[in-house]
C-alpha atoms as a PDB file:
ATOM      1  CA  MET A   1       0.021   0.117   0.009  1.00  0.00           C
ATOM      2  CA  LEU A   2       1.364   3.302  -0.930  1.00  0.00           C
ATOM      3  CA  GLU A   3       2.613   5.051   2.371  1.00  0.00           C
ATOM      4  CA  TRP A   4       1.058   8.066   2.003  1.00  0.00           C
ATOM      5  CA  MET A   5      -2.548   6.514   2.036  1.00  0.00           C
ATOM      6  CA  ASN A   6      -1.606   4.633   5.267  1.00  0.00           C
ATOM      7  CA  PHE A   7      -4.883   5.529   6.806  1.00  0.00           C
ATOM      8  CA  LEU A   8      -6.998   3.573   3.865  1.00  0.00           C
ATOM      9  CA  TYR A   9      -6.805   0.490   5.062  1.00  0.00           C
ATOM     10  CA  VAL A  10      -8.568  -2.912   4.558  1.00  0.00           C
ATOM     11  CA  LEU A  11      -9.933  -5.205   6.732  1.00  0.00           C
ATOM     12  CA  THR A  12      -9.727  -8.937   6.746  1.00  0.00           C
ATOM     13  CA  GLU A  13     -13.030 -10.843   7.382  1.00  0.00           C
ATOM     14  CA  ASN A  14     -12.179 -11.540  11.160  1.00  0.00           C
ATOM     15  CA  GLU A  15     -11.404  -8.001  11.607  1.00  0.00           C
ATOM     16  CA  TYR A  16     -14.626  -6.720  10.044  1.00  0.00           C
ATOM     17  CA  GLU A  17     -16.448  -9.262  12.366  1.00  0.00           C
ATOM     18  CA  GLN A  18     -14.328  -7.828  15.224  1.00  0.00           C
ATOM     19  CA  ARG A  19     -15.310  -4.047  14.376  1.00  0.00           C
ATOM     20  CA  LYS A  20     -19.289  -4.815  13.842  1.00  0.00           C
ATOM     21  CA  ASN A  21     -19.302  -3.640  17.594  1.00  0.00           C
ATOM     22  CA  GLY A  22     -16.253  -1.279  17.574  1.00  0.00           C
ATOM     23  CA  PRO A  23     -15.819   2.248  16.618  1.00  0.00           C
ATOM     24  CA  MET A  24     -14.160   3.205  13.348  1.00  0.00           C
ATOM     25  CA  LYS A  25     -11.533   5.935  13.525  1.00  0.00           C
ATOM     26  CA  ILE A  26     -12.045   9.230  11.660  1.00  0.00           C
ATOM     27  CA  PRO A  27      -9.246  10.904   9.954  1.00  0.00           C
ATOM     28  CA  SER A  28      -8.288  13.954  11.568  1.00  0.00           C
ATOM     29  CA  THR A  29      -7.596  17.503  10.084  1.00  0.00           C
ATOM     30  CA  ASP A  30      -3.783  16.947  11.018  1.00  0.00           C
ATOM     31  CA  GLU A  31      -3.740  13.597   8.926  1.00  0.00           C
ATOM     32  CA  ILE A  32      -5.411  14.991   5.910  1.00  0.00           C
ATOM     33  CA  LEU A  33      -2.879  17.908   5.704  1.00  0.00           C
ATOM     34  CA  LEU A  34       0.024  15.506   6.134  1.00  0.00           C
ATOM     35  CA  GLN A  35      -1.615  13.486   2.879  1.00  0.00           C
ATOM     36  CA  LEU A  36      -1.557  16.889   0.884  1.00  0.00           C
ATOM     37  CA  LYS A  37       2.369  17.506   2.039  1.00  0.00           C
ATOM     38  CA  ASP A  38       2.813  14.291   0.277  1.00  0.00           C
ATOM     39  CA  TYR A  39       0.758  15.265  -2.550  1.00  0.00           C
ATOM     40  CA  SER A  40       2.804  18.801  -2.813  1.00  0.00           C
ATOM     41  CA  ASN A  41       5.608  20.629  -1.426  1.00  0.00           C
ATOM     42  CA  ASP A  42       3.387  23.638  -1.785  1.00  0.00           C
ATOM     43  CA  ASP A  43       3.250  26.208   1.149  1.00  0.00           C
ATOM     44  CA  LEU A  44      -0.251  25.719   2.572  1.00  0.00           C
ATOM     45  CA  SER A  45       0.051  27.876   5.662  1.00  0.00           C
ATOM     46  CA  ARG A  46      -2.763  30.036   5.458  1.00  0.00           C
ATOM     47  CA  TYR A  47      -5.155  27.468   4.148  1.00  0.00           C
ATOM     48  CA  THR A  48      -4.150  25.086   7.067  1.00  0.00           C
ATOM     49  CA  VAL A  49      -4.889  27.646   9.629  1.00  0.00           C
ATOM     50  CA  LEU A  50      -8.418  28.609   7.794  1.00  0.00           C
ATOM     51  CA  MET A  51      -9.240  25.042   7.291  1.00  0.00           C
ATOM     52  CA  LYS A  52      -8.365  23.875  10.660  1.00  0.00           C
ATOM     53  CA  ASP A  53     -10.223  26.704  12.435  1.00  0.00           C
ATOM     54  CA  ALA A  54     -13.057  26.076  10.603  1.00  0.00           C
ATOM     55  CA  PHE A  55     -13.615  22.264  11.268  1.00  0.00           C
ATOM     56  CA  GLN A  56     -12.711  22.842  14.962  1.00  0.00           C
ATOM     57  CA  GLN A  57     -15.517  25.833  15.421  1.00  0.00           C
ATOM     58  CA  VAL A  58     -18.055  23.937  13.140  1.00  0.00           C
ATOM     59  CA  GLY A  59     -17.426  20.421  14.062  1.00  0.00           C
ATOM     60  CA  PRO A  60     -19.388  19.128  10.835  1.00  0.00           C
ATOM     61  CA  ILE A  61     -21.197  15.910  11.262  1.00  0.00           C
ATOM     62  CA  PHE A  62     -19.116  14.083   9.226  1.00  0.00           C
ATOM     63  CA  THR A  63     -16.323  14.262  11.687  1.00  0.00           C
ATOM     64  CA  LYS A  64     -18.488  12.873  14.512  1.00  0.00           C
ATOM     65  CA  PRO A  65     -17.734   9.491  16.278  1.00  0.00           C
ATOM     66  CA  GLN A  66     -21.614   9.031  16.352  1.00  0.00           C
ATOM     67  CA  TYR A  67     -22.015   9.466  12.392  1.00  0.00           C
ATOM     68  CA  VAL A  68     -19.206   7.035  11.825  1.00  0.00           C
ATOM     69  CA  ASP A  69     -20.861   4.430  13.987  1.00  0.00           C
ATOM     70  CA  PHE A  70     -24.067   4.999  12.192  1.00  0.00           C
ATOM     71  CA  PHE A  71     -22.922   4.657   8.781  1.00  0.00           C
ATOM     72  CA  TRP A  72     -21.152   1.206  10.248  1.00  0.00           C
ATOM     73  CA  HIS A  73     -24.466   0.172  11.808  1.00  0.00           C
ATOM     74  CA  CYS A  74     -26.206   0.302   8.611  1.00  0.00           C
ATOM     75  CA  ALA A  75     -23.242  -1.125   6.606  1.00  0.00           C
ATOM     76  CA  SER A  76     -23.245  -4.407   8.745  1.00  0.00           C
ATOM     77  CA  THR A  77     -26.830  -4.595   9.665  1.00  0.00           C
ATOM     78  CA  VAL A  78     -29.162  -3.346   6.675  1.00  0.00           C
ATOM     79  CA  PRO A  79     -29.163  -5.843   3.887  1.00  0.00           C
ATOM     80  CA  GLY A  80     -28.393  -4.095   0.476  1.00  0.00           C
ATOM     81  CA  TRP A  81     -27.635  -0.554   2.191  1.00  0.00           C
ATOM     82  CA  ILE A  82     -24.004  -0.047   1.283  1.00  0.00           C
ATOM     83  CA  ALA A  83     -24.383  -1.539  -2.270  1.00  0.00           C
ATOM     84  CA  GLU A  84     -27.054   1.596  -2.815  1.00  0.00           C
ATOM     85  CA  VAL A  85     -24.445   3.851  -1.246  1.00  0.00           C
ATOM     86  CA  VAL A  86     -22.054   2.890  -3.989  1.00  0.00           C
ATOM     87  CA  LEU A  87     -24.566   3.514  -6.414  1.00  0.00           C
ATOM     88  CA  ALA A  88     -25.500   6.685  -5.153  1.00  0.00           C
ATOM     89  CA  ASN A  89     -21.655   7.992  -5.301  1.00  0.00           C
ATOM     90  CA  ALA A  90     -22.007   7.072  -9.058  1.00  0.00           C
ATOM     91  CA  ASP A  91     -24.794   9.388  -9.488  1.00  0.00           C
ATOM     92  CA  ALA A  92     -23.260  12.246  -7.184  1.00  0.00           C
ATOM     93  CA  GLU A  93     -19.834  11.973  -9.203  1.00  0.00           C
ATOM     94  CA  SER A  94     -21.730  12.588 -12.335  1.00  0.00           C
ATOM     95  CA  GLN A  95     -23.678  15.398 -11.136  1.00  0.00           C
ATOM     96  CA  GLY A  96     -20.415  16.760  -9.957  1.00  0.00           C
ATOM     97  CA  ALA A  97     -18.552  16.387 -13.413  1.00  0.00           C
ATOM     98  CA  LYS A  98     -21.616  18.160 -15.051  1.00  0.00           C
ATOM     99  CA  LYS A  99     -21.172  20.998 -12.776  1.00  0.00           C
ATOM    100  CA  LEU A 100     -17.477  21.383 -12.943  1.00  0.00           C
ATOM    101  CA  VAL A 101     -17.756  21.533 -16.937  1.00  0.00           C
ATOM    102  CA  ASP A 102     -20.018  24.395 -16.516  1.00  0.00           C
ATOM    103  CA  LEU A 103     -17.765  26.179 -14.003  1.00  0.00           C
ATOM    104  CA  TRP A 104     -15.149  25.528 -16.413  1.00  0.00           C
ATOM    105  CA  LYS A 105     -16.947  27.218 -19.111  1.00  0.00           C
ATOM    106  CA  SER A 106     -17.213  30.394 -17.449  1.00  0.00           C
ATOM    107  CA  THR A 107     -13.601  30.498 -15.926  1.00  0.00           C
ATOM    108  CA  THR A 108     -11.394  32.760 -17.923  1.00  0.00           C
ATOM    109  CA  ILE A 109      -9.277  34.004 -15.132  1.00  0.00           C
ATOM    110  CA  ASP A 110      -6.123  31.774 -15.307  1.00  0.00           C
ATOM    111  CA  LYS A 111      -5.421  29.121 -17.852  1.00  0.00           C
ATOM    112  CA  GLU A 112      -3.946  26.943 -15.003  1.00  0.00           C
ATOM    113  CA  ILE A 113      -6.757  26.819 -12.843  1.00  0.00           C
ATOM    114  CA  GLU A 114      -8.834  26.345 -16.096  1.00  0.00           C
ATOM    115  CA  ASP A 115      -7.087  23.222 -16.829  1.00  0.00           C
ATOM    116  CA  SER A 116      -7.150  21.945 -13.221  1.00  0.00           C
ATOM    117  CA  ILE A 117     -10.853  22.283 -12.934  1.00  0.00           C
ATOM    118  CA  LEU A 118     -11.374  20.467 -16.498  1.00  0.00           C
ATOM    119  CA  PHE A 119      -8.882  17.772 -15.042  1.00  0.00           C
ATOM    120  CA  HIS A 120     -11.269  17.392 -12.114  1.00  0.00           C
ATOM    121  CA  ALA A 121     -14.444  17.428 -14.125  1.00  0.00           C
ATOM    122  CA  LYS A 122     -13.072  14.362 -16.191  1.00  0.00           C
ATOM    123  CA  ASP A 123     -12.096  12.469 -12.967  1.00  0.00           C
ATOM    124  CA  GLU A 124     -15.313  12.951 -11.477  1.00  0.00           C
ATOM    125  CA  ALA A 125     -16.839  11.513 -15.033  1.00  0.00           C
ATOM    126  CA  ARG A 126     -14.491   8.783 -14.651  1.00  0.00           C
ATOM    127  CA  HIS A 127     -15.225   7.875 -10.969  1.00  0.00           C
ATOM    128  CA  SER A 128     -18.973   7.703 -11.554  1.00  0.00           C
ATOM    129  CA  HIS A 129     -18.152   4.708 -13.808  1.00  0.00           C
ATOM    130  CA  LEU A 130     -15.830   3.543 -11.485  1.00  0.00           C
ATOM    131  CA  PHE A 131     -18.532   3.081  -8.680  1.00  0.00           C
ATOM    132  CA  VAL A 132     -20.666   1.397 -11.089  1.00  0.00           C
ATOM    133  CA  LYS A 133     -17.799  -1.161 -11.714  1.00  0.00           C
ATOM    134  CA  LEU A 134     -17.329  -1.190  -7.929  1.00  0.00           C
ATOM    135  CA  ASP A 135     -20.785  -2.424  -7.267  1.00  0.00           C
ATOM    136  CA  SER A 136     -20.524  -5.018  -9.809  1.00  0.00           C
ATOM    137  CA  PHE A 137     -17.391  -6.775  -8.227  1.00  0.00           C
ATOM    138  CA  ALA A 138     -18.136  -6.137  -4.682  1.00  0.00           C
ATOM    139  CA  PHE A 139     -22.019  -6.865  -4.806  1.00  0.00           C
ATOM    140  CA  PRO A 140     -22.503  -9.099  -7.904  1.00  0.00           C
ATOM    141  CA  GLU A 141     -26.197 -10.025  -6.929  1.00  0.00           C
ATOM    142  CA  SER A 142     -27.173  -6.549  -6.116  1.00  0.00           C
ATOM    143  CA  ASN A 143     -27.882  -5.411  -9.595  1.00  0.00           C
ATOM    144  CA  THR A 144     -28.328  -7.263 -12.859  1.00  0.00           C
ATOM    145  CA  ASP A 145     -25.959  -6.294 -15.772  1.00  0.00           C
ATOM    146  CA  GLY A 146     -28.886  -4.693 -17.594  1.00  0.00           C
ATOM    147  CA  GLU A 147     -29.663  -2.580 -14.463  1.00  0.00           C
ATOM    148  CA  LEU A 148     -26.047  -1.466 -14.294  1.00  0.00           C
ATOM    149  CA  SER A 149     -25.758  -0.804 -17.984  1.00  0.00           C
ATOM    150  CA  LYS A 150     -28.629   1.582 -17.611  1.00  0.00           C
ATOM    151  CA  ILE A 151     -27.193   3.378 -14.936  1.00  0.00           C
ATOM    152  CA  LYS A 152     -24.109   3.853 -16.718  1.00  0.00           C
ATOM    153  CA  ASP A 153     -25.878   5.236 -19.877  1.00  0.00           C
ATOM    154  CA  GLY A 154     -27.276   8.043 -17.701  1.00  0.00           C
ATOM    155  CA  LEU A 155     -23.895   9.201 -16.230  1.00  0.00           C
ATOM    156  CA  THR A 156     -22.185  12.402 -17.567  1.00  0.00           C
ATOM    157  CA  LYS A 157     -19.756  11.976 -20.616  1.00  0.00           C
ATOM    158  CA  ILE A 158     -17.391  14.767 -21.315  1.00  0.00           C
ATOM    159  CA  ASN A 159     -17.057  15.168 -25.152  1.00  0.00           C
ATOM    160  CA  SER A 160     -14.856  17.493 -26.921  1.00  0.00           C
ATOM    161  CA  HIS A 161     -17.628  19.080 -28.679  1.00  0.00           C
ATOM    162  CA  ASP A 162     -19.289  20.111 -25.345  1.00  0.00           C
ATOM    163  CA  LEU A 163     -16.135  22.024 -24.256  1.00  0.00           C
ATOM    164  CA  VAL A 164     -17.153  25.606 -25.460  1.00  0.00           C
ATOM    165  CA  LYS A 165     -16.659  28.519 -23.427  1.00  0.00           C
ATOM    166  CA  ASP A 166     -19.976  30.249 -22.550  1.00  0.00           C
ATOM    167  CA  GLY A 167     -18.790  34.109 -22.719  1.00  0.00           C
ATOM    168  CA  VAL A 168     -19.714  34.492 -19.179  1.00  0.00           C
ATOM    169  CA  SER A 169     -16.859  34.767 -16.942  1.00  0.00           C
ATOM    170  CA  VAL A 170     -17.041  33.925 -13.208  1.00  0.00           C
ATOM    171  CA  SER A 171     -15.685  36.689 -10.974  1.00  0.00           C
ATOM    172  CA  ASN A 172     -12.650  36.006  -8.706  1.00  0.00           C
ATOM    173  CA  TYR A 173     -14.689  35.726  -5.342  1.00  0.00           C
ATOM    174  CA  ASP A 174     -17.399  33.396  -6.600  1.00  0.00           C
ATOM    175  CA  LEU A 175     -14.533  31.070  -8.153  1.00  0.00           C
ATOM    176  CA  LEU A 176     -13.234  31.260  -4.551  1.00  0.00           C
ATOM    177  CA  ASP A 177     -16.520  30.254  -3.194  1.00  0.00           C
ATOM    178  CA  TYR A 178     -16.655  27.329  -5.826  1.00  0.00           C
ATOM    179  CA  LEU A 179     -13.249  25.979  -4.849  1.00  0.00           C
ATOM    180  CA  VAL A 180     -14.145  26.255  -1.132  1.00  0.00           C
ATOM    181  CA  GLN A 181     -17.352  24.215  -1.479  1.00  0.00           C
ATOM    182  CA  MET A 182     -15.468  21.619  -3.749  1.00  0.00           C
ATOM    183  CA  ASN A 183     -12.455  21.213  -1.139  1.00  0.00           C
ATOM    184  CA  MET A 184     -14.621  20.563   1.855  1.00  0.00           C
ATOM    185  CA  GLY A 185     -16.852  18.073  -0.218  1.00  0.00           C
ATOM    186  CA  GLU A 186     -13.524  16.202  -1.376  1.00  0.00           C
ATOM    187  CA  ILE A 187     -12.794  16.068   2.246  1.00  0.00           C
ATOM    188  CA  ARG A 188     -16.303  14.579   3.220  1.00  0.00           C
ATOM    189  CA  THR A 189     -15.748  12.101   0.711  1.00  0.00           C
ATOM    190  CA  LEU A 190     -12.471  11.105   1.678  1.00  0.00           C
ATOM    191  CA  VAL A 191     -13.694  10.665   5.233  1.00  0.00           C
ATOM    192  CA  HIS A 192     -16.504   8.399   3.871  1.00  0.00           C
ATOM    193  CA  MET A 193     -13.810   6.441   1.722  1.00  0.00           C
ATOM    194  CA  HIS A 194     -11.977   6.102   4.873  1.00  0.00           C
ATOM    195  CA  PHE A 195     -14.914   4.364   6.839  1.00  0.00           C
ATOM    196  CA  LEU A 196     -16.787   2.955   4.079  1.00  0.00           C
ATOM    197  CA  GLY A 197     -13.932   1.606   2.037  1.00  0.00           C
ATOM    198  CA  PRO A 198     -12.613  -1.118   4.553  1.00  0.00           C
ATOM    199  CA  VAL A 199     -16.287  -2.475   4.742  1.00  0.00           C
ATOM    200  CA  ILE A 200     -16.862  -2.659   1.166  1.00  0.00           C
ATOM    201  CA  PHE A 201     -13.534  -4.629   0.830  1.00  0.00           C
ATOM    202  CA  ALA A 202     -14.611  -6.861   3.577  1.00  0.00           C
ATOM    203  CA  MET A 203     -17.735  -7.672   1.980  1.00  0.00           C
ATOM    204  CA  THR A 204     -16.218  -8.377  -1.651  1.00  0.00           C
ATOM    205  CA  PRO A 205     -16.184 -11.895  -2.843  1.00  0.00           C
ATOM    206  CA  LYS A 206     -12.604 -13.236  -2.560  1.00  0.00           C
ATOM    207  CA  GLU A 207     -12.276 -13.430  -6.433  1.00  0.00           C
ATOM    208  CA  SER A 208     -12.798  -9.673  -6.652  1.00  0.00           C
ATOM    209  CA  LYS A 209     -10.975  -8.554  -3.556  1.00  0.00           C
ATOM    210  CA  ASP A 210      -7.597  -7.336  -6.015  1.00  0.00           C
ATOM    211  CA  LYS A 211      -9.864  -5.422  -8.383  1.00  0.00           C
ATOM    212  CA  VAL A 212     -12.044  -3.588  -5.311  1.00  0.00           C
ATOM    213  CA  TYR A 213      -8.843  -2.689  -3.384  1.00  0.00           C
ATOM    214  CA  THR A 214      -7.024  -1.150  -6.666  1.00  0.00           C
ATOM    215  CA  ILE A 215     -10.311   0.698  -7.283  1.00  0.00           C
ATOM    216  CA  LEU A 216     -10.653   1.868  -3.819  1.00  0.00           C
ATOM    217  CA  GLN A 217      -7.164   3.062  -3.431  1.00  0.00           C
ATOM    218  CA  GLY A 218      -7.131   4.945  -6.916  1.00  0.00           C
ATOM    219  CA  LEU A 219     -10.329   6.853  -5.552  1.00  0.00           C
ATOM    220  CA  ALA A 220      -8.579   7.649  -2.540  1.00  0.00           C
ATOM    221  CA  LYS A 221      -5.580   9.044  -4.099  1.00  0.00           C
ATOM    222  CA  ASP A 222      -7.722  11.042  -6.611  1.00  0.00           C
ATOM    223  CA  GLU A 223      -9.475  12.488  -3.577  1.00  0.00           C
ATOM    224  CA  VAL A 224      -6.400  13.834  -1.936  1.00  0.00           C
ATOM    225  CA  ILE A 225      -5.203  14.976  -5.375  1.00  0.00           C
ATOM    226  CA  HIS A 226      -8.327  17.271  -5.671  1.00  0.00           C
ATOM    227  CA  ILE A 227      -8.126  18.565  -2.022  1.00  0.00           C
ATOM    228  CA  GLY A 228      -4.788  19.431  -2.927  1.00  0.00           C
ATOM    229  CA  TYR A 229      -5.210  21.471  -5.949  1.00  0.00           C
ATOM    230  CA  THR A 230      -8.177  23.222  -4.464  1.00  0.00           C
ATOM    231  CA  SER A 231      -6.129  24.106  -1.357  1.00  0.00           C
ATOM    232  CA  LYS A 232      -3.352  25.308  -3.299  1.00  0.00           C
ATOM    233  CA  LEU A 233      -5.780  27.678  -5.318  1.00  0.00           C
ATOM    234  CA  ILE A 234      -7.161  28.600  -2.045  1.00  0.00           C
ATOM    235  CA  GLU A 235      -3.849  29.522  -0.408  1.00  0.00           C
ATOM    236  CA  ASP A 236      -3.061  31.432  -3.613  1.00  0.00           C
ATOM    237  CA  TRP A 237      -6.088  33.614  -3.266  1.00  0.00           C
ATOM    238  CA  CYS A 238      -5.240  34.280   0.445  1.00  0.00           C
ATOM    239  CA  ASN A 239      -2.898  37.124   0.289  1.00  0.00           C
ATOM    240  CA  ASP A 240      -2.869  39.888   2.866  1.00  0.00           C
ATOM    241  CA  SER A 241      -5.999  41.520   1.764  1.00  0.00           C
ATOM    242  CA  ASN A 242      -8.010  38.451   0.957  1.00  0.00           C
ATOM    243  CA  TYR A 243      -7.017  36.313   3.911  1.00  0.00           C
ATOM    244  CA  THR A 244      -9.808  37.571   6.179  1.00  0.00           C
ATOM    245  CA  VAL A 245     -12.372  37.275   3.276  1.00  0.00           C
ATOM    246  CA  ALA A 246     -11.483  33.686   2.592  1.00  0.00           C
ATOM    247  CA  LYS A 247     -11.364  32.791   6.035  1.00  0.00           C
ATOM    248  CA  HIS A 248     -14.864  34.108   6.988  1.00  0.00           C
ATOM    249  CA  LEU A 249     -16.004  32.205   3.557  1.00  0.00           C
ATOM    250  CA  TYR A 250     -14.540  28.841   4.389  1.00  0.00           C
ATOM    251  CA  HIS A 251     -16.275  28.741   7.971  1.00  0.00           C
ATOM    252  CA  ASN A 252     -19.620  29.913   6.450  1.00  0.00           C
ATOM    253  CA  ARG A 253     -19.489  27.502   3.672  1.00  0.00           C
ATOM    254  CA  LEU A 254     -18.494  24.670   6.144  1.00  0.00           C
ATOM    255  CA  MET A 255     -21.354  25.565   8.430  1.00  0.00           C
ATOM    256  CA  ASP A 256     -23.406  24.954   5.072  1.00  0.00           C
ATOM    257  CA  PHE A 257     -22.102  21.841   4.414  1.00  0.00           C
ATOM    258  CA  HIS A 258     -22.540  20.605   7.839  1.00  0.00           C
ATOM    259  CA  LYS A 259     -26.425  21.467   7.781  1.00  0.00           C
ATOM    260  CA  LEU A 260     -26.655  19.815   4.226  1.00  0.00           C
ATOM    261  CA  THR A 261     -25.009  16.725   5.505  1.00  0.00           C
ATOM    262  CA  VAL A 262     -27.312  16.565   8.498  1.00  0.00           C
ATOM    263  CA  SER A 263     -30.190  16.980   6.102  1.00  0.00           C
ATOM    264  CA  GLN A 264     -29.238  14.391   3.825  1.00  0.00           C
ATOM    265  CA  THR A 265     -28.628  12.019   6.802  1.00  0.00           C
ATOM    266  CA  THR A 266     -31.932  12.596   8.900  1.00  0.00           C
ATOM    267  CA  ASP A 267     -34.342  10.317   6.683  1.00  0.00           C
ATOM    268  CA  THR A 268     -31.721   7.430   6.911  1.00  0.00           C
ATOM    269  CA  ILE A 269     -31.500   7.653  10.860  1.00  0.00           C
ATOM    270  CA  LYS A 270     -34.981   7.834  11.095  1.00  0.00           C
ATOM    271  CA  LYS A 271     -35.474   4.703   9.045  1.00  0.00           C
ATOM    272  CA  TYR A 272     -32.556   2.529  10.154  1.00  0.00           C
ATOM    273  CA  GLY A 273     -31.226   4.084  13.060  1.00  0.00           C
ATOM    274  CA  GLN A 274     -33.519   2.014  15.488  1.00  0.00           C
ATOM    275  CA  ASN A 275     -33.773   4.964  17.757  1.00  0.00           C
ATOM    276  CA  GLN A 276     -30.151   4.481  18.447  1.00  0.00           C
ATOM    277  CA  TYR A 277     -28.609   7.556  17.270  1.00  0.00           C
ATOM    278  CA  PRO A 278     -30.926  10.431  18.701  1.00  0.00           C
ATOM    279  CA  ALA A 279     -27.741  12.552  19.158  1.00  0.00           C
ATOM    280  CA  LEU A 280     -27.231  12.937  15.593  1.00  0.00           C
ATOM    281  CA  LEU A 281     -30.720  14.234  15.205  1.00  0.00           C
ATOM    282  CA  GLU A 282     -29.947  16.871  17.625  1.00  0.00           C
ATOM    283  CA  ILE A 283     -26.613  18.338  16.217  1.00  0.00           C
END
């Protein structure tokens, strides 16, 4: 396993059984920042402060032990639930790719930034297909080939004839806003990968474990890269006059993202929580 991904581990069948009644560890902000250092030697001093301060002050739900415990509860007790989560990620990545292409169309500030956003968009589109493939390998009986083929047909495809600038330029501030939201969204995805990846691997049939392991590691590596480039662009934006604006924006958007995650989780908690997770409903 690549050393810089040392917190994305795998579970043996025995470890999986043992962890059914034990907590899964959430990567800390320090651990995530350490992965970024391995991705790049860029100075992220301002980003580091605003990111750590915001996470400490907001305490988003996806960093709470109860959140991880609830996902573990669903993954280990609700038949078919985790397979549905994998396919939901395929759709989310597809939608993300479309939004990134739209952002690329309106970004004319800097060629390097444009190229990074387009690269990210293509990654998201590729990931959407990888999640469908992951579902077919890890949970071969959850969907038929015909059902998976139909899902793949509906995923975002990025073609060269679609890559035409729309003539409307996004402002510097709005671009920063997009980057901030992308950055914390990728952090949440990496956190999810950290505690769901091992469960997916443990549930995978023996003959497909190598393929699933490769997909999971590739997805985790890409998430670190996406966090890294958005962090660097946020850092670049944070000169002396912009730092306070960026810090305030990151805090507010993380609060928005926390509330969004709570709303996305509430129905699932009520449906599968068996009244064991009231604290999550009160966050």
